[in-house]
Amino acid sequence: MRSLLLAALLLAPAASAQLVSVGVRGGVPFTGGFSSITDVPPPDFDRSYSGSKEYIVGAMVELHLPLGFSVEADALYHPLNLSSQVSTGTAVYTDSTTYNSFEFPVVAKYRFLHLPLVKPFVEAGPSFRAAATAVNYLSHEGLTLGGGVEIKLGRLRLEPELRYIRWRADTMVNQDNMPVSGPSISNLNQAELLVGIAF
């Protein structure tokens, strides 16, 4: 009987609040998707780098749990720019390509300091990535850490936050499409500023 009463007290806030919320999340990365690499010293060189940091945008869904905990899953579109410069000593040739990339972070969140309008939170969980075929050697898994604040405006929740993602090392493939070790040209450390709007 005592355990049933305790369970009822713990689940009462979740029952009175909205159990599931949906919304959109978007922002800008502070880091490019690819590392800057120069193959040959100047004046003859071949350099690859992220010419633009692009943007991040997508949908989010969050399951609210008792005691300030929740689980959020995002589906984010994050284009990755890869630029290159080739110098022959007499001329420099530049090329730029943007590749499609989709990221799927799943994070456990904890809100603390339950103030009337503002609730700080921290989050952590795995991230998964699906990239264009041309850059399919990019790592598909990583770890997400983040923190921010939830600002409640009626039924609307505004969530500015900072996120850090550490991707696993890239996997190169050989002519038989078998994975082999190779140099990592992606930026394994990704930092971004995101804002979520949820209902």
N, C-alpha and C. Protein backbone atom coordinates (compact mmCIF):
# COMPACT_ATOMS: atom_id res chain seq x y z
N MET A 1 0.83 -1.20 0.00
CA MET A 1 0.00 0.00 0.00
C MET A 1 0.87 1.26 0.00
N ARG A 2 1.93 1.23 0.82
CA ARG A 2 2.82 2.38 0.89
C ARG A 2 3.52 2.60 -0.45
N SER A 3 3.92 1.50 -1.12
CA SER A 3 4.59 1.63 -2.42
C SER A 3 3.63 2.16 -3.48
N LEU A 4 2.36 1.78 -3.43
CA LEU A 4 1.38 2.31 -4.38
C LEU A 4 1.18 3.80 -4.18
N LEU A 5 1.16 4.26 -2.93
CA LEU A 5 1.00 5.67 -2.65
C LEU A 5 2.20 6.46 -3.16
N LEU A 6 3.41 5.90 -2.94
CA LEU A 6 4.63 6.56 -3.43
C LEU A 6 4.63 6.65 -4.94
N ALA A 7 4.23 5.57 -5.64
CA ALA A 7 4.17 5.59 -7.11
C ALA A 7 3.17 6.61 -7.60
N ALA A 8 2.03 6.72 -6.92
CA ALA A 8 1.02 7.69 -7.32
C ALA A 8 1.53 9.11 -7.17
N LEU A 9 2.28 9.39 -6.08
CA LEU A 9 2.84 10.72 -5.88
C LEU A 9 3.88 11.07 -6.94
N LEU A 10 4.68 10.07 -7.34
CA LEU A 10 5.71 10.32 -8.35
C LEU A 10 5.10 10.53 -9.74
N LEU A 11 4.03 9.82 -10.05
CA LEU A 11 3.44 9.91 -11.38
C LEU A 11 2.43 11.03 -11.51
N ALA A 12 2.01 11.64 -10.42
CA ALA A 12 1.02 12.70 -10.49
C ALA A 12 1.47 13.89 -11.32
N PRO A 13 2.74 14.41 -11.14
CA PRO A 13 3.16 15.54 -11.98
C PRO A 13 3.16 15.19 -13.45
N ALA A 14 3.56 13.96 -13.81
CA ALA A 14 3.60 13.57 -15.22
C ALA A 14 2.19 13.49 -15.79
N ALA A 15 1.25 13.02 -14.97
CA ALA A 15 -0.12 12.89 -15.45
C ALA A 15 -0.76 14.25 -15.67
N SER A 16 -0.43 15.22 -14.79
CA SER A 16 -1.03 16.54 -14.92
C SER A 16 -0.38 17.35 -16.03
N ALA A 17 0.87 17.07 -16.34
CA ALA A 17 1.57 17.79 -17.40
C ALA A 17 1.41 17.06 -18.72
N GLN A 18 1.86 17.72 -19.77
CA GLN A 18 1.81 17.10 -21.09
C GLN A 18 2.87 16.02 -21.17
N LEU A 19 2.49 14.80 -21.53
CA LEU A 19 3.41 13.67 -21.52
C LEU A 19 4.36 13.69 -22.71
N VAL A 20 3.87 14.05 -23.88
CA VAL A 20 4.68 14.08 -25.10
C VAL A 20 4.58 15.46 -25.74
N SER A 21 5.71 16.02 -26.14
CA SER A 21 5.72 17.29 -26.86
C SER A 21 6.48 17.12 -28.17
N VAL A 22 6.07 17.88 -29.16
CA VAL A 22 6.71 17.86 -30.48
C VAL A 22 7.07 19.28 -30.87
N GLY A 23 8.02 19.40 -31.79
CA GLY A 23 8.41 20.73 -32.22
C GLY A 23 9.50 20.68 -33.27
N VAL A 24 10.18 21.78 -33.42
CA VAL A 24 11.27 21.91 -34.38
C VAL A 24 12.52 22.38 -33.64
N ARG A 25 13.66 22.04 -34.21
CA ARG A 25 14.94 22.46 -33.63
C ARG A 25 15.86 22.87 -34.77
N GLY A 26 16.56 23.97 -34.59
CA GLY A 26 17.47 24.44 -35.62
C GLY A 26 18.55 25.31 -35.03
N GLY A 27 19.59 25.54 -35.83
CA GLY A 27 20.67 26.39 -35.35
C GLY A 27 21.86 26.36 -36.29
N VAL A 28 23.01 26.71 -35.72
CA VAL A 28 24.23 26.81 -36.52
C VAL A 28 25.37 26.07 -35.82
N PRO A 29 26.20 25.37 -36.59
CA PRO A 29 27.39 24.75 -36.00
C PRO A 29 28.53 25.76 -35.87
N PHE A 30 29.34 25.61 -34.84
CA PHE A 30 30.54 26.42 -34.69
C PHE A 30 31.71 25.83 -35.45
N THR A 31 31.60 24.55 -35.79
CA THR A 31 32.69 23.83 -36.44
C THR A 31 32.22 23.28 -37.79
N GLY A 32 33.13 23.23 -38.74
CA GLY A 32 32.81 22.64 -40.04
C GLY A 32 32.78 21.12 -39.95
N GLY A 33 32.19 20.50 -40.95
CA GLY A 33 32.09 19.05 -40.96
C GLY A 33 33.38 18.34 -41.29
N PHE A 34 34.34 19.05 -41.92
CA PHE A 34 35.58 18.41 -42.36
C PHE A 34 36.78 19.16 -41.80
N SER A 35 37.83 18.41 -41.49
CA SER A 35 39.07 19.00 -41.03
C SER A 35 39.82 19.63 -42.20
N SER A 36 40.67 20.58 -41.89
CA SER A 36 41.51 21.20 -42.91
C SER A 36 42.77 20.36 -43.09
N ILE A 37 43.01 19.88 -44.31
CA ILE A 37 44.16 19.01 -44.59
C ILE A 37 44.90 19.53 -45.82
N THR A 38 46.21 19.69 -45.70
CA THR A 38 47.06 20.07 -46.82
C THR A 38 48.00 18.90 -47.11
N ASP A 39 47.94 18.39 -48.34
CA ASP A 39 48.70 17.19 -48.68
C ASP A 39 50.16 17.48 -49.01
N VAL A 40 50.43 18.57 -49.74
CA VAL A 40 51.80 18.85 -50.21
C VAL A 40 52.16 20.28 -49.80
N PRO A 41 53.35 20.53 -49.32
CA PRO A 41 53.73 21.89 -48.93
C PRO A 41 53.67 22.86 -50.12
N PRO A 42 53.36 24.14 -49.85
CA PRO A 42 53.35 25.15 -50.91
C PRO A 42 54.71 25.26 -51.56
N PRO A 43 54.84 25.79 -52.80
CA PRO A 43 53.76 26.41 -53.58
C PRO A 43 52.84 25.42 -54.28
N ASP A 44 53.24 24.15 -54.40
CA ASP A 44 52.34 23.14 -54.98
C ASP A 44 51.63 22.43 -53.83
N PHE A 45 50.31 22.54 -53.77
CA PHE A 45 49.61 21.92 -52.65
C PHE A 45 48.20 21.53 -53.06
N ASP A 46 47.65 20.64 -52.27
CA ASP A 46 46.27 20.18 -52.44
C ASP A 46 45.63 20.27 -51.06
N ARG A 47 44.69 21.17 -50.90
CA ARG A 47 44.11 21.43 -49.59
C ARG A 47 42.62 21.17 -49.61
N SER A 48 42.09 20.50 -48.56
CA SER A 48 40.65 20.31 -48.40
C SER A 48 40.23 20.86 -47.05
N TYR A 49 39.03 21.41 -46.97
CA TYR A 49 38.57 22.08 -45.75
C TYR A 49 37.07 22.34 -45.87
N SER A 50 36.44 22.74 -44.77
CA SER A 50 35.04 23.15 -44.78
C SER A 50 34.97 24.63 -45.12
N GLY A 51 34.46 24.94 -46.29
CA GLY A 51 34.37 26.33 -46.71
C GLY A 51 33.21 27.07 -46.08
N SER A 52 32.23 26.32 -45.58
CA SER A 52 31.05 26.92 -44.95
C SER A 52 30.56 25.99 -43.86
N LYS A 53 30.07 26.57 -42.76
CA LYS A 53 29.56 25.75 -41.66
C LYS A 53 28.08 25.42 -41.83
N GLU A 54 27.42 26.00 -42.81
CA GLU A 54 26.03 25.67 -43.16
C GLU A 54 25.07 25.90 -42.00
N TYR A 55 24.14 25.00 -41.79
CA TYR A 55 23.09 25.16 -40.78
C TYR A 55 22.57 23.79 -40.37
N ILE A 56 21.69 23.76 -39.37
CA ILE A 56 21.07 22.53 -38.87
C ILE A 56 19.60 22.81 -38.65
N VAL A 57 18.72 21.93 -39.12
CA VAL A 57 17.28 22.14 -38.92
C VAL A 57 16.57 20.79 -38.95
N GLY A 58 15.50 20.67 -38.18
CA GLY A 58 14.77 19.40 -38.19
C GLY A 58 13.65 19.36 -37.16
N ALA A 59 13.17 18.16 -36.91
CA ALA A 59 12.04 17.94 -36.01
C ALA A 59 12.51 17.28 -34.72
N MET A 60 11.72 17.44 -33.67
CA MET A 60 12.04 16.86 -32.38
C MET A 60 10.77 16.31 -31.73
N VAL A 61 10.93 15.27 -30.91
CA VAL A 61 9.83 14.74 -30.10
C VAL A 61 10.42 14.40 -28.74
N GLU A 62 9.66 14.70 -27.69
CA GLU A 62 10.18 14.51 -26.34
C GLU A 62 9.13 13.82 -25.46
N LEU A 63 9.58 12.81 -24.73
CA LEU A 63 8.75 12.09 -23.78
C LEU A 63 9.11 12.57 -22.38
N HIS A 64 8.16 13.18 -21.69
CA HIS A 64 8.40 13.73 -20.36
C HIS A 64 8.15 12.67 -19.29
N LEU A 65 9.10 12.56 -18.36
CA LEU A 65 9.05 11.58 -17.28
C LEU A 65 9.01 12.31 -15.94
N PRO A 66 8.73 11.59 -14.87
CA PRO A 66 8.69 12.23 -13.54
C PRO A 66 10.07 12.73 -13.10
N LEU A 67 10.05 13.60 -12.08
CA LEU A 67 11.26 14.07 -11.40
C LEU A 67 12.20 14.88 -12.28
N GLY A 68 11.68 15.52 -13.32
CA GLY A 68 12.51 16.38 -14.17
C GLY A 68 13.23 15.66 -15.28
N PHE A 69 13.02 14.37 -15.46
CA PHE A 69 13.68 13.62 -16.52
C PHE A 69 12.81 13.58 -17.78
N SER A 70 13.46 13.43 -18.92
CA SER A 70 12.76 13.24 -20.19
C SER A 70 13.71 12.60 -21.19
N VAL A 71 13.16 12.13 -22.29
CA VAL A 71 13.95 11.56 -23.38
C VAL A 71 13.55 12.27 -24.66
N GLU A 72 14.53 12.78 -25.39
CA GLU A 72 14.27 13.51 -26.63
C GLU A 72 14.95 12.83 -27.81
N ALA A 73 14.25 12.77 -28.92
CA ALA A 73 14.82 12.26 -30.17
C ALA A 73 14.63 13.31 -31.25
N ASP A 74 15.71 13.58 -32.00
CA ASP A 74 15.68 14.58 -33.07
C ASP A 74 15.99 13.93 -34.41
N ALA A 75 15.45 14.51 -35.47
CA ALA A 75 15.83 14.16 -36.84
C ALA A 75 16.26 15.45 -37.50
N LEU A 76 17.58 15.64 -37.67
CA LEU A 76 18.14 16.92 -38.08
C LEU A 76 18.84 16.81 -39.43
N TYR A 77 18.55 17.76 -40.31
CA TYR A 77 19.26 17.87 -41.59
C TYR A 77 20.44 18.80 -41.39
N HIS A 78 21.65 18.31 -41.72
CA HIS A 78 22.88 19.08 -41.51
C HIS A 78 23.76 18.96 -42.75
N PRO A 79 23.64 19.89 -43.72
CA PRO A 79 24.49 19.82 -44.90
C PRO A 79 25.96 20.06 -44.53
N LEU A 80 26.85 19.32 -45.18
CA LEU A 80 28.28 19.39 -44.91
C LEU A 80 29.01 19.89 -46.14
N ASN A 81 29.73 20.99 -45.99
CA ASN A 81 30.46 21.57 -47.12
C ASN A 81 31.90 21.09 -47.13
N LEU A 82 32.37 20.64 -48.30
CA LEU A 82 33.77 20.25 -48.49
C LEU A 82 34.33 21.05 -49.65
N SER A 83 35.29 21.90 -49.35
CA SER A 83 35.94 22.72 -50.37
C SER A 83 37.37 22.23 -50.56
N SER A 84 37.91 22.52 -51.73
CA SER A 84 39.28 22.10 -52.01
C SER A 84 39.98 23.17 -52.84
N GLN A 85 41.28 23.25 -52.65
CA GLN A 85 42.15 24.13 -53.43
C GLN A 85 43.32 23.32 -53.95
N VAL A 86 43.60 23.46 -55.22
CA VAL A 86 44.75 22.80 -55.83
C VAL A 86 45.61 23.87 -56.47
N SER A 87 46.87 23.92 -56.05
CA SER A 87 47.80 24.91 -56.59
C SER A 87 48.91 24.21 -57.36
N THR A 88 49.19 24.72 -58.54
CA THR A 88 50.30 24.18 -59.34
C THR A 88 51.51 25.10 -59.28
N GLY A 89 51.44 26.12 -58.43
CA GLY A 89 52.53 27.09 -58.36
C GLY A 89 52.26 28.29 -59.24
N THR A 90 51.54 28.09 -60.35
CA THR A 90 51.22 29.19 -61.25
C THR A 90 49.73 29.54 -61.23
N ALA A 91 48.89 28.60 -60.77
CA ALA A 91 47.44 28.84 -60.72
C ALA A 91 46.85 28.07 -59.54
N VAL A 92 45.74 28.59 -59.03
CA VAL A 92 45.03 27.94 -57.93
C VAL A 92 43.61 27.63 -58.39
N TYR A 93 43.22 26.37 -58.27
CA TYR A 93 41.88 25.93 -58.66
C TYR A 93 41.08 25.59 -57.40
N THR A 94 39.87 26.13 -57.31
CA THR A 94 39.02 25.94 -56.14
C THR A 94 37.72 25.26 -56.53
N ASP A 95 37.30 24.32 -55.69
CA ASP A 95 36.03 23.62 -55.92
C ASP A 95 35.31 23.49 -54.58
N SER A 96 33.98 23.44 -54.62
CA SER A 96 33.20 23.33 -53.39
C SER A 96 31.98 22.47 -53.64
N THR A 97 31.72 21.53 -52.73
CA THR A 97 30.57 20.64 -52.83
C THR A 97 29.91 20.53 -51.46
N THR A 98 28.58 20.54 -51.44
CA THR A 98 27.84 20.36 -50.20
C THR A 98 27.12 19.01 -50.24
N TYR A 99 27.35 18.22 -49.19
CA TYR A 99 26.79 16.87 -49.12
C TYR A 99 25.64 16.83 -48.10
N ASN A 100 24.62 16.05 -48.42
CA ASN A 100 23.49 15.87 -47.50
C ASN A 100 23.91 14.99 -46.33
N SER A 101 23.48 15.38 -45.15
CA SER A 101 23.76 14.59 -43.95
C SER A 101 22.57 14.73 -43.01
N PHE A 102 22.15 13.59 -42.43
CA PHE A 102 21.05 13.59 -41.47
C PHE A 102 21.57 13.04 -40.15
N GLU A 103 21.28 13.74 -39.06
CA GLU A 103 21.73 13.34 -37.73
C GLU A 103 20.54 13.03 -36.85
N PHE A 104 20.69 11.98 -36.03
CA PHE A 104 19.59 11.51 -35.18
C PHE A 104 20.07 11.36 -33.75
N PRO A 105 20.19 12.46 -33.00
CA PRO A 105 20.55 12.35 -31.59
C PRO A 105 19.37 11.88 -30.74
N VAL A 106 19.67 11.01 -29.77
CA VAL A 106 18.68 10.55 -28.79
C VAL A 106 19.28 10.82 -27.42
N VAL A 107 18.71 11.79 -26.69
CA VAL A 107 19.34 12.23 -25.45
C VAL A 107 18.39 12.09 -24.27
N ALA A 108 18.97 11.73 -23.12
CA ALA A 108 18.26 11.78 -21.85
C ALA A 108 18.49 13.18 -21.27
N LYS A 109 17.41 13.83 -20.84
CA LYS A 109 17.50 15.19 -20.33
C LYS A 109 17.09 15.23 -18.85
N TYR A 110 17.73 16.14 -18.12
CA TYR A 110 17.36 16.35 -16.73
C TYR A 110 17.21 17.85 -16.48
N ARG A 111 16.03 18.26 -16.05
CA ARG A 111 15.76 19.66 -15.73
C ARG A 111 15.90 19.86 -14.22
N PHE A 112 16.55 20.95 -13.84
CA PHE A 112 16.73 21.24 -12.42
C PHE A 112 16.39 22.71 -12.16
N LEU A 113 16.37 23.11 -10.90
CA LEU A 113 15.95 24.47 -10.51
C LEU A 113 14.61 24.81 -11.15
N HIS A 114 13.58 24.12 -10.74
CA HIS A 114 12.26 24.27 -11.36
C HIS A 114 11.62 25.60 -11.00
N LEU A 115 12.07 26.65 -11.68
CA LEU A 115 11.51 27.98 -11.50
C LEU A 115 10.24 28.10 -12.33
N PRO A 116 9.40 29.09 -12.06
CA PRO A 116 8.12 29.19 -12.77
C PRO A 116 8.25 29.27 -14.29
N LEU A 117 9.21 30.04 -14.80
CA LEU A 117 9.31 30.25 -16.25
C LEU A 117 10.56 29.64 -16.88
N VAL A 118 11.62 29.45 -16.11
CA VAL A 118 12.90 29.01 -16.66
C VAL A 118 13.37 27.75 -15.93
N LYS A 119 13.79 26.75 -16.71
CA LYS A 119 14.32 25.50 -16.15
C LYS A 119 15.61 25.14 -16.88
N PRO A 120 16.76 25.26 -16.23
CA PRO A 120 18.01 24.79 -16.86
C PRO A 120 17.96 23.27 -17.03
N PHE A 121 18.70 22.76 -18.02
CA PHE A 121 18.76 21.32 -18.23
C PHE A 121 20.11 20.90 -18.76
N VAL A 122 20.43 19.64 -18.53
CA VAL A 122 21.61 19.00 -19.12
C VAL A 122 21.11 17.76 -19.86
N GLU A 123 21.91 17.31 -20.83
CA GLU A 123 21.50 16.17 -21.65
C GLU A 123 22.71 15.39 -22.12
N ALA A 124 22.48 14.11 -22.40
CA ALA A 124 23.54 13.24 -22.91
C ALA A 124 22.91 12.03 -23.58
N GLY A 125 23.58 11.52 -24.62
CA GLY A 125 23.08 10.33 -25.30
C GLY A 125 23.80 10.11 -26.62
N PRO A 126 23.46 9.05 -27.31
CA PRO A 126 24.11 8.73 -28.59
C PRO A 126 23.56 9.57 -29.74
N SER A 127 24.39 9.74 -30.76
CA SER A 127 23.96 10.36 -32.02
C SER A 127 24.28 9.41 -33.16
N PHE A 128 23.43 9.42 -34.16
CA PHE A 128 23.61 8.59 -35.34
C PHE A 128 23.56 9.48 -36.57
N ARG A 129 24.33 9.11 -37.61
CA ARG A 129 24.41 9.95 -38.81
C ARG A 129 24.31 9.10 -40.06
N ALA A 130 23.57 9.63 -41.05
CA ALA A 130 23.50 9.04 -42.38
C ALA A 130 23.92 10.12 -43.36
N ALA A 131 25.00 9.88 -44.09
CA ALA A 131 25.55 10.87 -45.01
C ALA A 131 25.44 10.40 -46.44
N ALA A 132 25.62 11.33 -47.38
CA ALA A 132 25.55 11.03 -48.81
C ALA A 132 26.56 9.94 -49.18
N THR A 133 26.27 9.23 -50.25
CA THR A 133 27.10 8.10 -50.67
C THR A 133 28.55 8.51 -50.89
N ALA A 134 28.77 9.70 -51.41
CA ALA A 134 30.14 10.15 -51.71
C ALA A 134 30.98 10.31 -50.45
N VAL A 135 30.33 10.49 -49.31
CA VAL A 135 31.08 10.62 -48.05
C VAL A 135 30.60 9.56 -47.04
N ASN A 136 30.36 8.36 -47.57
CA ASN A 136 29.84 7.30 -46.69
C ASN A 136 30.89 6.75 -45.73
N TYR A 137 32.13 7.24 -45.84
CA TYR A 137 33.16 6.83 -44.90
C TYR A 137 33.05 7.61 -43.58
N LEU A 138 32.22 8.66 -43.53
CA LEU A 138 32.06 9.41 -42.29
C LEU A 138 31.47 8.51 -41.21
N SER A 139 31.89 8.71 -39.98
CA SER A 139 31.40 7.91 -38.87
C SER A 139 29.89 8.05 -38.75
N HIS A 140 29.24 6.94 -38.42
CA HIS A 140 27.78 6.93 -38.27
C HIS A 140 27.34 7.03 -36.82
N GLU A 141 28.28 7.07 -35.87
CA GLU A 141 27.92 7.07 -34.46
C GLU A 141 28.75 8.08 -33.70
N GLY A 142 28.14 8.64 -32.66
CA GLY A 142 28.84 9.60 -31.82
C GLY A 142 28.16 9.75 -30.47
N LEU A 143 28.73 10.59 -29.63
CA LEU A 143 28.19 10.86 -28.30
C LEU A 143 27.83 12.34 -28.22
N THR A 144 26.63 12.64 -27.75
CA THR A 144 26.14 14.01 -27.62
C THR A 144 26.08 14.41 -26.16
N LEU A 145 26.61 15.60 -25.86
CA LEU A 145 26.51 16.23 -24.54
C LEU A 145 26.00 17.64 -24.75
N GLY A 146 25.16 18.12 -23.84
CA GLY A 146 24.64 19.47 -24.02
C GLY A 146 24.02 20.03 -22.77
N GLY A 147 23.64 21.30 -22.89
CA GLY A 147 22.98 21.98 -21.79
C GLY A 147 22.34 23.26 -22.28
N GLY A 148 21.29 23.67 -21.59
CA GLY A 148 20.61 24.89 -21.97
C GLY A 148 19.53 25.24 -20.97
N VAL A 149 18.57 26.03 -21.41
CA VAL A 149 17.46 26.42 -20.54
C VAL A 149 16.15 26.25 -21.29
N GLU A 150 15.14 25.87 -20.55
CA GLU A 150 13.78 25.82 -21.10
C GLU A 150 13.02 27.04 -20.61
N ILE A 151 12.47 27.81 -21.54
CA ILE A 151 11.69 29.00 -21.21
C ILE A 151 10.25 28.71 -21.60
N LYS A 152 9.36 28.71 -20.61
CA LYS A 152 7.97 28.35 -20.86
C LYS A 152 7.13 29.61 -21.05
N LEU A 153 6.44 29.67 -22.19
CA LEU A 153 5.56 30.79 -22.53
C LEU A 153 4.19 30.21 -22.85
N GLY A 154 3.37 30.02 -21.82
CA GLY A 154 2.09 29.36 -22.02
C GLY A 154 2.32 27.90 -22.35
N ARG A 155 1.74 27.44 -23.45
CA ARG A 155 1.96 26.05 -23.90
C ARG A 155 3.22 25.93 -24.74
N LEU A 156 3.83 27.05 -25.08
CA LEU A 156 5.02 27.05 -25.92
C LEU A 156 6.27 26.95 -25.06
N ARG A 157 7.21 26.11 -25.49
CA ARG A 157 8.50 25.98 -24.80
C ARG A 157 9.62 26.36 -25.76
N LEU A 158 10.46 27.29 -25.33
CA LEU A 158 11.61 27.74 -26.11
C LEU A 158 12.86 27.21 -25.43
N GLU A 159 13.74 26.52 -26.19
CA GLU A 159 14.91 25.87 -25.60
C GLU A 159 16.20 26.21 -26.34
N PRO A 160 16.87 27.32 -25.99
CA PRO A 160 18.21 27.56 -26.51
C PRO A 160 19.22 26.66 -25.78
N GLU A 161 20.17 26.11 -26.53
CA GLU A 161 21.13 25.18 -25.92
C GLU A 161 22.43 25.11 -26.71
N LEU A 162 23.47 24.66 -26.04
CA LEU A 162 24.75 24.35 -26.66
C LEU A 162 24.93 22.84 -26.65
N ARG A 163 25.37 22.29 -27.79
CA ARG A 163 25.61 20.85 -27.88
C ARG A 163 27.02 20.59 -28.37
N TYR A 164 27.57 19.50 -27.85
CA TYR A 164 28.88 19.01 -28.31
C TYR A 164 28.70 17.56 -28.73
N ILE A 165 29.19 17.22 -29.92
CA ILE A 165 29.12 15.85 -30.42
C ILE A 165 30.54 15.37 -30.72
N ARG A 166 30.88 14.22 -30.18
CA ARG A 166 32.15 13.58 -30.49
C ARG A 166 31.85 12.36 -31.37
N TRP A 167 32.21 12.44 -32.65
CA TRP A 167 31.99 11.35 -33.58
C TRP A 167 33.12 10.34 -33.47
N ARG A 168 32.80 9.08 -33.74
CA ARG A 168 33.85 8.06 -33.81
C ARG A 168 34.69 8.31 -35.06
N ALA A 169 35.86 7.66 -35.12
CA ALA A 169 36.75 7.85 -36.26
C ALA A 169 36.09 7.36 -37.55
N ASP A 170 36.44 8.01 -38.66
CA ASP A 170 35.90 7.64 -39.96
C ASP A 170 36.33 6.23 -40.35
N THR A 171 35.55 5.63 -41.24
CA THR A 171 35.87 4.31 -41.79
C THR A 171 35.99 4.44 -43.30
N MET A 172 37.14 4.09 -43.83
CA MET A 172 37.34 4.10 -45.27
C MET A 172 36.99 2.71 -45.81
N VAL A 173 36.62 2.64 -47.08
CA VAL A 173 36.31 1.35 -47.70
C VAL A 173 37.21 1.14 -48.90
N ASN A 174 37.52 -0.14 -49.17
CA ASN A 174 38.37 -0.46 -50.32
C ASN A 174 37.51 -0.71 -51.56
N GLN A 175 38.13 -1.21 -52.63
CA GLN A 175 37.41 -1.41 -53.89
C GLN A 175 36.29 -2.44 -53.78
N ASP A 176 36.40 -3.34 -52.80
CA ASP A 176 35.35 -4.34 -52.59
C ASP A 176 34.32 -3.88 -51.57
N ASN A 177 34.36 -2.58 -51.24
CA ASN A 177 33.45 -1.98 -50.28
C ASN A 177 33.61 -2.57 -48.88
N MET A 178 34.83 -3.05 -48.60
CA MET A 178 35.14 -3.57 -47.27
C MET A 178 35.82 -2.47 -46.46
N PRO A 179 35.47 -2.33 -45.17
CA PRO A 179 36.05 -1.24 -44.37
C PRO A 179 37.54 -1.45 -44.12
N VAL A 180 38.30 -0.40 -44.24
CA VAL A 180 39.72 -0.42 -43.93
C VAL A 180 40.03 0.85 -43.14
N SER A 181 41.13 0.82 -42.38
CA SER A 181 41.53 2.01 -41.64
C SER A 181 42.11 3.03 -42.60
N GLY A 182 41.85 4.29 -42.32
CA GLY A 182 42.38 5.34 -43.18
C GLY A 182 42.41 6.65 -42.43
N PRO A 183 43.00 7.67 -43.01
CA PRO A 183 43.08 8.98 -42.35
C PRO A 183 41.69 9.59 -42.21
N SER A 184 41.43 10.19 -41.07
CA SER A 184 40.15 10.83 -40.83
C SER A 184 40.18 12.24 -41.39
N ILE A 185 39.27 12.55 -42.31
CA ILE A 185 39.22 13.91 -42.82
C ILE A 185 38.00 14.66 -42.30
N SER A 186 37.13 13.96 -41.58
CA SER A 186 36.00 14.69 -40.99
C SER A 186 36.43 15.32 -39.68
N ASN A 187 35.67 16.32 -39.26
CA ASN A 187 35.91 16.95 -37.98
C ASN A 187 35.19 16.12 -36.92
N LEU A 188 35.94 15.40 -36.10
CA LEU A 188 35.32 14.49 -35.14
C LEU A 188 34.67 15.22 -33.98
N ASN A 189 35.05 16.47 -33.75
CA ASN A 189 34.46 17.28 -32.68
C ASN A 189 33.54 18.33 -33.30
N GLN A 190 32.29 18.29 -32.91
CA GLN A 190 31.30 19.20 -33.47
C GLN A 190 30.61 19.96 -32.34
N ALA A 191 30.62 21.29 -32.42
CA ALA A 191 29.93 22.14 -31.44
C ALA A 191 28.88 22.96 -32.17
N GLU A 192 27.73 23.12 -31.55
CA GLU A 192 26.64 23.82 -32.22
C GLU A 192 25.73 24.55 -31.24
N LEU A 193 25.13 25.60 -31.73
CA LEU A 193 24.11 26.36 -30.99
C LEU A 193 22.77 26.06 -31.63
N LEU A 194 21.85 25.52 -30.82
CA LEU A 194 20.54 25.13 -31.32
C LEU A 194 19.45 25.81 -30.50
N VAL A 195 18.30 26.00 -31.15
CA VAL A 195 17.12 26.52 -30.46
C VAL A 195 15.95 25.62 -30.81
N GLY A 196 15.27 25.09 -29.79
CA GLY A 196 14.11 24.26 -30.00
C GLY A 196 12.84 25.02 -29.67
N ILE A 197 11.80 24.78 -30.47
CA ILE A 197 10.48 25.34 -30.21
C ILE A 197 9.52 24.17 -30.16
N ALA A 198 8.92 23.93 -28.99
CA ALA A 198 8.08 22.75 -28.80
C ALA A 198 6.72 23.13 -28.23
N PHE A 199 5.74 22.26 -28.48
CA PHE A 199 4.38 22.49 -28.00
C PHE A 199 3.96 21.30 -27.13
